[in-house]
């Protein structure tokens, strides 16, 4: 097994793509039943990374059947033994961090120096849920001396998980942790744009769990629809767009299965006049996650900056944003990667053009980088618009790209109404030195995850999830673990057979 890799030594890591390109279920590798394969390109270079299985509902049926068989035994494994197995997987993640990061850099376009952190995050998530296995407790209800009434928590069965392309192996490993810790088995659909690190992860952890406990079926919409509607899937969890979340929820309705949805965002950063313009400028840039091209549902893509500090913030943004320069994702020196696909590239560019045509003022970026070495890749400069109005398309719709719009405000009530006017409600970031203002604003914003004088950070144990159409349920906390359990009440009559 490899030793952990530090970011500054990534130049020594070679791209080690998965050997298996089929589906992984029942502890074995299987070719797709229809014999179909898709190509996965490197968004940074345009080169092919090879084929992977384009699966069908038949493949999903086989994987779910394997998971259902495995569930009968997995749920009986003592919780602390399940925890021990999960901690072993976390160890594998840490020991192979560089390899997995390099695969994702090539396949999803995020810089390798950033992706190595995903291994650490996923390992921490696995260890977190492994440590909570004894907290799946029920409760007793007083009934007097003649009866005993108590509840217990049991796993649901087979869980389906669907996740996006921006953090592939982190989601594959980290998002399997809670259902597995709770005693469920999982069938995972990796992103069709970047499936390779999930396949490599399955190779690395093969044999650490009983056959059928952890399963992967790759492919497109047919796989996701089959998972969401499958009669033997007890719960479906998705990280994705609002339209995809609605489709999953509709598909799940016929079997009345539960859903856990972490969906899109059009998130606001709010800067009050007492905030330091230099710090706010750094937060506007940092909140956009430019490292992975703004391809994050939590990115604060709307910056509401008070008129007193507005111009000073814009000037500082022009300087600080130069740190983010598109480059080859597998290069450890790269600070900003590539857009995932040509479809997404064209979509982002259309939003940039719409902003220009609707009268927004371009402050920085807005096009392809000039470096000829990047000509074959899908690169867009970090882009900032000022003079953005609530009616503009870039103010209302999730772009999922490296584009932030800056709003100038003076009236707090009007500003808050504009912040809350969108259909999303995932995150918000508030910048002020006034404690009352901070708490008042946090209470007013319609978002599930709020930072005060911070941005773009997750805290293990803190519930992450959205209001409105940004999702259903919470993750990264004990509530996520409980979401993969069901409560059973047991009543015992102690008077039967009692002499007296």
Protein backbone atom coordinates (compact mmCIF):
# COMPACT_ATOMS: atom_id res chain seq x y z
CA UNK A 1 0.00 0.00 0.00
CA UNK A 2 1.27 3.48 -0.84
CA UNK A 3 2.28 5.97 1.81
CA UNK A 4 0.33 9.24 2.18
CA UNK A 5 1.26 11.88 -0.39
CA UNK A 6 1.80 15.55 0.37
CA UNK A 7 0.62 18.10 -2.23
CA UNK A 8 4.18 19.32 -2.85
CA UNK A 9 5.26 15.84 -3.91
CA UNK A 10 2.43 15.24 -6.39
CA UNK A 11 4.77 15.70 -9.32
CA UNK A 12 6.07 12.18 -8.61
CA UNK A 13 2.61 10.59 -8.86
CA UNK A 14 1.77 8.94 -12.15
CA UNK A 15 -1.73 8.68 -13.56
CA UNK A 16 -2.90 5.17 -12.65
CA UNK A 17 -6.29 4.64 -14.25
CA UNK A 18 -8.56 1.78 -13.16
CA UNK A 19 -8.06 -1.56 -14.88
CA UNK A 20 -11.73 -2.51 -14.63
CA UNK A 21 -14.26 -0.47 -16.60
CA UNK A 22 -17.41 -2.47 -15.93
CA UNK A 23 -19.73 -2.55 -12.92
CA UNK A 24 -18.80 -3.69 -9.43
CA UNK A 25 -21.39 -5.68 -7.50
CA UNK A 26 -21.53 -8.83 -5.39
CA UNK A 27 -17.81 -8.37 -4.80
CA UNK A 28 -17.01 -8.96 -8.49
CA UNK A 29 -16.57 -7.03 -11.73
CA UNK A 30 -19.21 -7.44 -14.44
CA UNK A 31 -19.45 -6.23 -18.02
CA UNK A 32 -22.62 -4.22 -18.81
CA UNK A 33 -25.38 -6.52 -20.02
CA UNK A 34 -26.09 -4.45 -23.13
CA UNK A 35 -22.39 -4.37 -24.00
CA UNK A 36 -22.40 -0.58 -24.27
CA UNK A 37 -19.52 1.67 -23.30
CA UNK A 38 -19.00 5.43 -23.21
CA UNK A 39 -15.83 7.43 -23.63
CA UNK A 40 -14.59 9.67 -20.84
CA UNK A 41 -12.42 12.59 -22.01
CA UNK A 42 -9.89 14.63 -20.07
CA UNK A 43 -11.50 18.11 -19.93
CA UNK A 44 -8.08 19.69 -19.49
CA UNK A 45 -6.51 18.25 -22.64
CA UNK A 46 -9.32 16.79 -24.73
CA UNK A 47 -7.61 13.40 -24.72
CA UNK A 48 -9.55 10.20 -24.12
CA UNK A 49 -9.14 8.42 -20.80
CA UNK A 50 -10.80 5.31 -22.20
CA UNK A 51 -14.18 3.66 -21.96
CA UNK A 52 -16.51 2.81 -19.10
CA UNK A 53 -19.77 0.87 -18.82
CA UNK A 54 -22.93 2.52 -20.11
CA UNK A 55 -25.31 0.46 -18.00
CA UNK A 56 -29.02 -0.20 -18.23
CA UNK A 57 -31.87 -0.98 -15.85
CA UNK A 58 -30.93 -4.66 -16.13
CA UNK A 59 -27.51 -3.92 -14.64
CA UNK A 60 -29.18 -1.96 -11.84
CA UNK A 61 -31.50 -4.92 -11.13
CA UNK A 62 -28.52 -7.25 -10.75
CA UNK A 63 -26.62 -4.86 -8.48
CA UNK A 64 -29.67 -4.20 -6.30
CA UNK A 65 -30.34 -7.94 -6.03
CA UNK A 66 -26.76 -8.47 -4.84
CA UNK A 67 -27.11 -5.63 -2.33
CA UNK A 68 -30.41 -7.04 -1.08
CA UNK A 69 -28.85 -10.45 -0.47
CA UNK A 70 -25.89 -8.88 1.31
CA UNK A 71 -28.15 -6.74 3.49
CA UNK A 72 -29.53 -9.78 5.30
CA UNK A 73 -26.09 -10.45 6.77
CA UNK A 74 -24.63 -6.92 6.88
CA UNK A 75 -27.40 -5.63 9.16
CA UNK A 76 -26.45 -8.37 11.64
CA UNK A 77 -22.80 -7.34 11.79
CA UNK A 78 -22.22 -5.72 15.21
CA UNK A 79 -22.00 -1.92 14.87
CA UNK A 80 -18.45 -1.70 16.18
CA UNK A 81 -17.34 -4.34 13.68
CA UNK A 82 -18.91 -2.31 10.87
CA UNK A 83 -17.03 0.69 12.21
CA UNK A 84 -13.76 -1.22 12.14
CA UNK A 85 -14.24 -2.10 8.47
CA UNK A 86 -15.10 1.48 7.59
CA UNK A 87 -12.00 2.80 9.34
CA UNK A 88 -9.93 0.42 7.22
CA UNK A 89 -11.43 2.03 4.11
CA UNK A 90 -10.50 5.47 5.47
CA UNK A 91 -6.94 4.25 5.85
CA UNK A 92 -6.90 3.10 2.22
CA UNK A 93 -8.11 6.54 1.12
CA UNK A 94 -5.34 8.32 2.98
CA UNK A 95 -2.67 5.91 1.74
CA UNK A 96 -3.76 6.31 -1.88
CA UNK A 97 -4.68 9.99 -1.78
CA UNK A 98 -2.23 11.07 -4.47
CA UNK A 99 -3.32 8.38 -6.92
CA UNK A 100 -7.03 9.11 -6.50
CA UNK A 101 -6.43 12.87 -6.71
CA UNK A 102 -4.53 12.45 -9.97
CA UNK A 103 -7.34 10.37 -11.50
CA UNK A 104 -9.93 13.00 -10.58
CA UNK A 105 -7.72 15.81 -11.86
CA UNK A 106 -7.54 14.09 -15.24
CA UNK A 107 -11.19 13.00 -15.33
CA UNK A 108 -13.11 15.89 -13.77
CA UNK A 109 -10.71 18.79 -14.39
CA UNK A 110 -10.12 19.97 -10.84
CA UNK A 111 -6.50 20.76 -9.87
CA UNK A 112 -4.66 17.81 -8.37
CA UNK A 113 -3.26 19.90 -5.51
CA UNK A 114 -6.83 20.61 -4.43
CA UNK A 115 -8.20 17.13 -5.06
CA UNK A 116 -5.77 15.51 -2.63
CA UNK A 117 -7.71 17.28 0.12
CA UNK A 118 -10.78 15.34 -0.99
CA UNK A 119 -9.16 12.11 0.22
CA UNK A 120 -8.60 13.63 3.65
CA UNK A 121 -12.17 14.93 3.77
CA UNK A 122 -13.67 11.60 2.68
CA UNK A 123 -11.55 9.67 5.18
CA UNK A 124 -12.66 12.05 7.95
CA UNK A 125 -16.32 11.59 6.97
CA UNK A 126 -15.97 7.82 7.09
CA UNK A 127 -14.28 7.94 10.50
CA UNK A 128 -16.92 10.39 11.75
CA UNK A 129 -19.82 8.06 10.92
CA UNK A 130 -17.89 5.00 12.08
CA UNK A 131 -17.58 6.74 15.43
CA UNK A 132 -21.33 7.33 15.64
CA UNK A 133 -22.49 3.72 15.28
CA UNK A 134 -23.31 3.43 18.99
CA UNK A 135 -25.43 6.60 18.84
CA UNK A 136 -28.22 4.99 16.82
CA UNK A 137 -30.26 4.74 19.98
CA UNK A 138 -33.91 4.37 20.69
CA UNK A 139 -35.77 5.37 23.84
CA UNK A 140 -37.91 3.81 26.54
CA UNK A 141 -41.34 5.06 27.54
CA UNK A 142 -42.56 4.65 31.15
CA UNK A 143 -45.52 2.25 31.28
CA UNK A 144 -45.60 1.26 34.92
CA UNK A 145 -44.63 -2.09 36.46
CA UNK A 146 -46.69 -4.27 34.12
CA UNK A 147 -45.29 -3.28 30.73
CA UNK A 148 -42.12 -2.33 28.94
CA UNK A 149 -42.20 -0.02 25.93
CA UNK A 150 -39.09 0.94 23.99
CA UNK A 151 -37.92 1.86 20.49
CA UNK A 152 -34.95 0.64 18.48
CA UNK A 153 -33.35 1.95 15.31
CA UNK A 154 -32.86 -0.39 12.39
CA UNK A 155 -31.31 0.10 8.95
CA UNK A 156 -33.55 0.68 5.93
CA UNK A 157 -32.20 -1.91 3.49
CA UNK A 158 -30.60 -1.06 0.14
CA UNK A 159 -29.70 2.61 -0.39
CA UNK A 160 -29.05 4.24 -3.75
CA UNK A 161 -26.66 7.20 -3.98
CA UNK A 162 -26.18 9.46 -7.00
CA UNK A 163 -23.55 12.21 -7.00
CA UNK A 164 -22.05 14.82 -9.36
CA UNK A 165 -18.72 15.31 -11.10
CA UNK A 166 -17.11 18.02 -8.99
CA UNK A 167 -15.72 15.77 -6.21
CA UNK A 168 -16.09 12.22 -7.54
CA UNK A 169 -14.12 9.95 -5.23
CA UNK A 170 -14.80 12.13 -2.17
CA UNK A 171 -18.53 11.70 -2.74
CA UNK A 172 -18.22 8.02 -3.64
CA UNK A 173 -16.43 7.16 -0.41
CA UNK A 174 -17.72 9.83 1.97
CA UNK A 175 -21.37 9.59 1.00
CA UNK A 176 -21.40 5.81 1.38
CA UNK A 177 -20.26 6.16 4.99
CA UNK A 178 -23.54 7.01 6.75
CA UNK A 179 -25.72 4.32 5.13
CA UNK A 180 -23.03 1.67 5.59
CA UNK A 181 -22.43 2.64 9.22
CA UNK A 182 -26.17 2.36 9.85
CA UNK A 183 -26.21 -1.21 8.49
CA UNK A 184 -27.52 -0.59 4.98
CA UNK A 185 -25.96 -1.78 1.75
CA UNK A 186 -25.37 0.72 -1.07
CA UNK A 187 -25.60 0.90 -4.85
CA UNK A 188 -23.75 3.93 -6.18
CA UNK A 189 -24.07 5.68 -9.53
CA UNK A 190 -20.88 7.69 -10.16
CA UNK A 191 -21.05 10.78 -12.40
CA UNK A 192 -21.19 9.93 -16.08
CA UNK A 193 -18.73 12.78 -16.79
CA UNK A 194 -16.09 11.50 -14.33
CA UNK A 195 -16.57 7.86 -13.26
CA UNK A 196 -12.97 6.63 -13.15
CA UNK A 197 -11.95 7.43 -9.57
CA UNK A 198 -15.03 5.58 -8.27
CA UNK A 199 -14.01 2.50 -10.24
CA UNK A 200 -10.46 2.77 -8.92
CA UNK A 201 -11.78 3.15 -5.38
CA UNK A 202 -13.73 -0.09 -5.80
CA UNK A 203 -10.52 -1.79 -6.90
CA UNK A 204 -8.64 -0.45 -3.88
CA UNK A 205 -11.20 -1.48 -1.25
CA UNK A 206 -12.17 -4.79 -2.85
CA UNK A 207 -12.39 -7.42 -0.13
CA UNK A 208 -12.62 -5.00 2.80
CA UNK A 209 -16.41 -5.36 2.95
CA UNK A 210 -18.56 -8.46 2.46
CA UNK A 211 -19.61 -9.04 -1.17
CA UNK A 212 -22.64 -6.98 -2.17
CA UNK A 213 -22.35 -4.39 0.59
CA UNK A 214 -20.71 -1.75 -1.63
CA UNK A 215 -21.71 -1.70 -5.31
CA UNK A 216 -21.14 0.61 -8.30
CA UNK A 217 -23.14 0.83 -11.53
CA UNK A 218 -21.97 3.45 -14.02
CA UNK A 219 -23.88 5.07 -16.85
CA UNK A 220 -26.28 7.88 -17.66
CA UNK A 221 -29.84 8.89 -16.88
CA UNK A 222 -31.21 5.35 -17.29
CA UNK A 223 -29.16 4.17 -14.33
CA UNK A 224 -30.28 7.05 -12.12
CA UNK A 225 -33.93 6.59 -13.05
CA UNK A 226 -33.73 2.84 -12.41
CA UNK A 227 -32.24 3.40 -8.96
CA UNK A 228 -34.78 6.06 -8.01
CA UNK A 229 -37.77 3.94 -9.05
CA UNK A 230 -36.51 0.51 -7.99
CA UNK A 231 -38.87 -1.35 -5.67
CA UNK A 232 -36.00 -2.81 -3.65
CA UNK A 233 -34.23 0.51 -3.04
CA UNK A 234 -35.36 1.77 0.36
CA UNK A 235 -33.97 5.29 0.03
CA UNK A 236 -32.36 7.36 -2.71
CA UNK A 237 -29.88 10.16 -2.03
CA UNK A 238 -28.77 12.69 -4.62
CA UNK A 239 -26.34 15.55 -4.87
CA UNK A 240 -27.21 17.40 -8.06
CA UNK A 241 -29.28 20.05 -9.80
CA UNK A 242 -32.82 21.06 -8.93
CA UNK A 243 -34.30 19.53 -12.13
CA UNK A 244 -32.53 16.25 -11.41
CA UNK A 245 -33.75 16.34 -7.81
CA UNK A 246 -37.33 16.81 -8.96
CA UNK A 247 -36.97 13.89 -11.39
CA UNK A 248 -35.59 11.66 -8.64
CA UNK A 249 -38.38 12.66 -6.27
CA UNK A 250 -41.02 11.86 -8.90
CA UNK A 251 -39.43 8.50 -9.64
CA UNK A 252 -39.27 7.67 -5.94
CA UNK A 253 -42.94 8.48 -5.35
CA UNK A 254 -44.40 5.24 -6.71
CA UNK A 255 -42.56 3.17 -4.10
CA UNK A 256 -42.88 5.82 -1.37
CA UNK A 257 -39.16 5.63 -0.71
CA UNK A 258 -37.43 8.36 1.24
CA UNK A 259 -35.20 10.89 -0.48
CA UNK A 260 -32.19 12.89 0.66
CA UNK A 261 -31.52 15.74 -1.78
CA UNK A 262 -28.68 18.26 -1.75
CA UNK A 263 -29.46 20.42 -4.75
CA UNK A 264 -28.43 23.66 -6.43
CA UNK A 265 -27.78 27.11 -5.07
CA UNK A 266 -27.73 30.74 -6.10
CA UNK A 267 -26.05 31.78 -2.91
CA UNK A 268 -25.55 35.27 -1.55
CA UNK A 269 -22.57 36.95 0.10
CA UNK A 270 -23.65 40.05 2.01
CA UNK A 271 -21.10 42.72 2.96
CA UNK A 272 -22.11 45.50 5.36
CA UNK A 273 -20.46 48.96 5.35
CA UNK A 274 -18.35 48.25 8.45
CA UNK A 275 -16.61 45.26 6.84
CA UNK A 276 -13.00 45.54 5.69
CA UNK A 277 -12.98 45.91 1.85
CA UNK A 278 -9.79 43.87 1.55
CA UNK A 279 -11.24 40.97 3.54
CA UNK A 280 -14.54 41.16 1.67
CA UNK A 281 -12.75 41.05 -1.70
CA UNK A 282 -10.95 37.90 -0.58
CA UNK A 283 -14.25 36.40 0.56
CA UNK A 284 -16.00 37.18 -2.74
CA UNK A 285 -13.24 35.32 -4.57
CA UNK A 286 -12.88 32.51 -2.03
CA UNK A 287 -16.62 31.94 -1.87
CA UNK A 288 -16.77 31.28 -5.60
CA UNK A 289 -14.53 28.18 -5.41
CA UNK A 290 -12.65 29.33 -8.51
CA UNK A 291 -10.15 26.49 -7.98
CA UNK A 292 -12.74 24.09 -9.42
CA UNK A 293 -14.19 26.72 -11.75
CA UNK A 294 -17.12 27.63 -9.52
CA UNK A 295 -18.57 24.17 -10.13
CA UNK A 296 -19.99 23.91 -6.64
CA UNK A 297 -23.59 24.21 -5.46
CA UNK A 298 -22.43 26.12 -2.37
CA UNK A 299 -20.57 28.86 -4.26
CA UNK A 300 -21.60 32.41 -3.32
CA UNK A 301 -22.22 33.61 -6.87
CA UNK A 302 -24.14 36.75 -5.84
CA UNK A 303 -22.13 39.33 -3.87
CA UNK A 304 -24.21 42.09 -2.27
CA UNK A 305 -21.73 44.82 -1.31
CA UNK A 306 -22.77 48.01 0.46
CA UNK A 307 -22.23 51.19 -1.56
CA UNK A 308 -19.81 52.57 1.06
CA UNK A 309 -17.23 49.86 0.36
CA UNK A 310 -18.38 48.71 -3.09
CA UNK A 311 -15.76 50.44 -5.26
CA UNK A 312 -12.90 49.58 -2.91
CA UNK A 313 -13.96 45.91 -2.95
CA UNK A 314 -14.03 45.82 -6.75
CA UNK A 315 -10.53 47.28 -7.00
CA UNK A 316 -9.17 44.69 -4.59
CA UNK A 317 -10.96 41.87 -6.41
CA UNK A 318 -9.09 42.75 -9.61
CA UNK A 319 -5.80 42.18 -7.80
CA UNK A 320 -6.62 39.13 -5.68
CA UNK A 321 -8.33 37.18 -8.44
CA UNK A 322 -5.10 36.96 -10.43
CA UNK A 323 -4.07 34.06 -8.19
CA UNK A 324 -6.60 31.90 -10.06
CA UNK A 325 -5.10 31.15 -13.43
CA UNK A 326 -6.42 28.24 -15.51
CA UNK A 327 -3.91 25.47 -16.06
CA UNK A 328 -3.51 21.75 -16.75
CA UNK A 329 -5.34 20.04 -13.85
CA UNK A 330 -2.70 17.33 -13.32
CA UNK A 331 0.02 19.97 -12.85
CA UNK A 332 0.60 20.50 -9.08
CA UNK A 333 1.17 24.23 -9.72
CA UNK A 334 -2.30 24.76 -11.24
CA UNK A 335 -4.63 26.98 -9.19
CA UNK A 336 -7.73 26.73 -11.39
CA UNK A 337 -8.88 23.77 -13.45
CA UNK A 338 -11.11 23.06 -16.43
CA UNK A 339 -14.85 22.98 -17.04
CA UNK A 340 -16.16 19.41 -16.94
CA UNK A 341 -17.62 19.13 -20.46
CA UNK A 342 -18.22 20.97 -23.73
CA UNK A 343 -21.93 21.14 -22.89
CA UNK A 344 -21.18 22.88 -19.57
CA UNK A 345 -18.53 25.10 -21.19
CA UNK A 346 -21.05 26.36 -23.76
CA UNK A 347 -23.64 26.86 -21.04
CA UNK A 348 -21.31 29.01 -18.93
CA UNK A 349 -20.25 31.08 -21.94
CA UNK A 350 -23.90 31.69 -22.81
CA UNK A 351 -24.46 33.14 -19.33
CA UNK A 352 -21.44 35.41 -19.74
CA UNK A 353 -22.82 36.69 -23.05
CA UNK A 354 -26.28 37.21 -21.54
CA UNK A 355 -24.76 39.27 -18.72
CA UNK A 356 -23.03 41.52 -21.24
CA UNK A 357 -26.16 41.94 -23.35
CA UNK A 358 -28.29 42.76 -20.30
CA UNK A 359 -25.96 45.55 -19.20
CA UNK A 360 -23.75 44.03 -16.50
CA UNK A 361 -20.24 45.51 -16.39
CA UNK A 362 -17.40 43.05 -16.93
CA UNK A 363 -14.71 43.61 -14.29
CA UNK A 364 -12.45 40.64 -14.95
CA UNK A 365 -12.17 37.60 -17.22
CA UNK A 366 -15.08 36.58 -19.38
CA UNK A 367 -13.36 34.42 -21.96
CA UNK A 368 -10.90 31.67 -22.73
CA UNK A 369 -7.32 32.02 -21.43
CA UNK A 370 -4.77 33.07 -24.05
CA UNK A 371 -2.22 30.36 -23.20
CA UNK A 372 -1.85 28.18 -26.33
CA UNK A 373 -1.01 25.18 -24.12
CA UNK A 374 -4.65 25.22 -22.98
CA UNK A 375 -6.23 25.47 -26.43
CA UNK A 376 -7.52 21.88 -26.48
CA UNK A 377 -9.04 22.05 -23.01
CA UNK A 378 -12.26 23.51 -21.64
CA UNK A 379 -11.02 26.58 -19.80
CA UNK A 380 -12.76 29.81 -18.81
CA UNK A 381 -11.13 32.69 -16.97
CA UNK A 382 -12.44 33.60 -13.51
CA UNK A 383 -15.16 36.11 -14.33
CA UNK A 384 -16.58 39.02 -12.32
CA UNK A 385 -19.48 41.27 -13.28
CA UNK A 386 -20.53 44.49 -11.52
CA UNK A 387 -23.72 46.55 -11.82
CA UNK A 388 -25.74 43.33 -11.69
CA UNK A 389 -29.51 43.73 -11.34
CA UNK A 390 -31.95 41.18 -9.86
CA UNK A 391 -33.76 40.86 -13.19
CA UNK A 392 -30.66 39.64 -15.04
CA UNK A 393 -30.28 36.00 -15.93
CA UNK A 394 -26.97 35.65 -14.05
CA UNK A 395 -28.72 36.97 -10.93
CA UNK A 396 -31.51 34.39 -10.98
CA UNK A 397 -30.16 31.12 -12.38
CA UNK A 398 -27.46 28.75 -11.17
CA UNK A 399 -24.56 28.91 -13.62
CA UNK A 400 -22.31 26.27 -12.05
CA UNK A 401 -19.28 28.01 -13.49
CA UNK A 402 -16.63 30.63 -12.60
CA UNK A 403 -18.94 33.66 -12.75
CA UNK A 404 -19.80 35.96 -9.84
CA UNK A 405 -22.11 38.96 -9.98
CA UNK A 406 -21.63 41.97 -7.68
CA UNK A 407 -24.66 44.00 -6.55
CA UNK A 408 -24.37 47.47 -4.98
CA UNK A 409 -26.86 48.07 -2.17
CA UNK A 410 -27.81 50.84 0.26
CA UNK A 411 -31.20 49.84 1.70
CA UNK A 412 -31.02 46.75 3.92
CA UNK A 413 -34.66 45.74 3.54
CA UNK A 414 -34.50 45.90 -0.26
CA UNK A 415 -31.21 44.01 -0.27
CA UNK A 416 -32.60 41.18 1.89
CA UNK A 417 -35.67 40.93 -0.31
CA UNK A 418 -33.39 40.52 -3.33
CA UNK A 419 -31.26 37.94 -1.53
CA UNK A 420 -34.34 35.85 -0.75
CA UNK A 421 -36.07 36.35 -4.10
CA UNK A 422 -34.53 33.31 -5.81
CA UNK A 423 -35.92 29.77 -5.61
CA UNK A 424 -32.73 28.47 -4.00
CA UNK A 425 -31.67 28.55 -0.35
CA UNK A 426 -28.50 26.57 0.22
CA UNK A 427 -25.78 28.84 1.68
CA UNK A 428 -25.20 32.48 2.62
CA UNK A 429 -22.18 34.44 3.84
CA UNK A 430 -22.49 37.57 6.00
CA UNK A 431 -19.67 40.06 6.61
CA UNK A 432 -19.92 42.60 9.41
CA UNK A 433 -18.20 43.52 12.68
CA UNK A 434 -21.50 44.21 14.39
CA UNK A 435 -22.85 41.27 16.39
CA UNK A 436 -26.48 42.42 16.28
CA UNK A 437 -26.36 42.97 12.52
CA UNK A 438 -24.80 39.56 12.01
CA UNK A 439 -27.43 37.67 13.99
CA UNK A 440 -30.32 39.70 12.60
CA UNK A 441 -29.22 39.02 9.04
CA UNK A 442 -28.59 35.35 9.68
CA UNK A 443 -32.16 35.08 10.94
CA UNK A 444 -33.52 36.80 7.83
CA UNK A 445 -31.71 34.98 5.04
CA UNK A 446 -33.52 31.96 3.63
CA UNK A 447 -30.63 29.50 3.54
CA UNK A 448 -29.82 26.28 5.33
CA UNK A 449 -26.11 26.94 5.95
CA UNK A 450 -24.90 30.40 6.96
CA UNK A 451 -21.39 31.70 7.54
CA UNK A 452 -20.70 34.88 9.50
CA UNK A 453 -17.31 36.39 8.61
CA UNK A 454 -16.38 33.19 6.83
CA UNK A 455 -17.23 31.44 3.58
CA UNK A 456 -17.00 28.18 1.64
CA UNK A 457 -16.15 25.94 4.60
CA UNK A 458 -17.83 22.79 5.82
CA UNK A 459 -17.57 21.62 9.41
CA UNK A 460 -17.91 17.92 10.13
CA UNK A 461 -20.84 17.48 12.49
CA UNK A 462 -22.57 20.69 11.35
CA UNK A 463 -25.75 19.93 9.34
CA UNK A 464 -25.37 20.90 5.68
CA UNK A 465 -28.44 21.27 3.49
CA UNK A 466 -30.79 23.75 1.90
CA UNK A 467 -34.06 25.62 2.22
CA UNK A 468 -36.66 25.90 -0.54
CA UNK A 469 -35.61 24.10 -3.74
CA UNK A 470 -32.04 23.61 -2.59
CA UNK A 471 -32.83 20.27 -1.05
CA UNK A 472 -34.43 17.94 1.45
CA UNK A 473 -32.63 16.69 4.56
CA UNK A 474 -29.20 17.33 6.09
CA UNK A 475 -25.77 15.76 5.59
CA UNK A 476 -22.36 15.68 7.29
CA UNK A 477 -23.93 15.30 10.74
CA UNK A 478 -25.61 12.76 12.99
CA UNK A 479 -28.92 13.56 11.29
CA UNK A 480 -27.52 12.07 8.08
CA UNK A 481 -26.81 8.83 9.90
CA UNK A 482 -30.30 8.76 11.39
CA UNK A 483 -31.80 9.43 7.96
CA UNK A 484 -30.66 5.95 6.94
CA UNK A 485 -32.43 4.27 9.84
CA UNK A 486 -36.04 3.62 10.76
CA UNK A 487 -37.55 3.52 14.22
CA UNK A 488 -39.39 0.48 15.52
CA UNK A 489 -41.45 0.51 18.70
CA UNK A 490 -41.67 -2.64 20.83
CA UNK A 491 -44.26 -3.12 23.56
CA UNK A 492 -43.92 -5.96 26.10
CA UNK A 493 -46.85 -6.95 28.29
CA UNK A 494 -45.31 -8.22 31.54
CA UNK A 495 -48.59 -9.47 33.07
CA UNK A 496 -48.95 -12.57 30.86
CA UNK A 497 -48.20 -15.63 32.96
CA UNK A 498 -47.97 -13.51 36.05
CA UNK A 499 -49.27 -15.30 39.13
CA UNK A 500 -51.14 -13.43 41.66
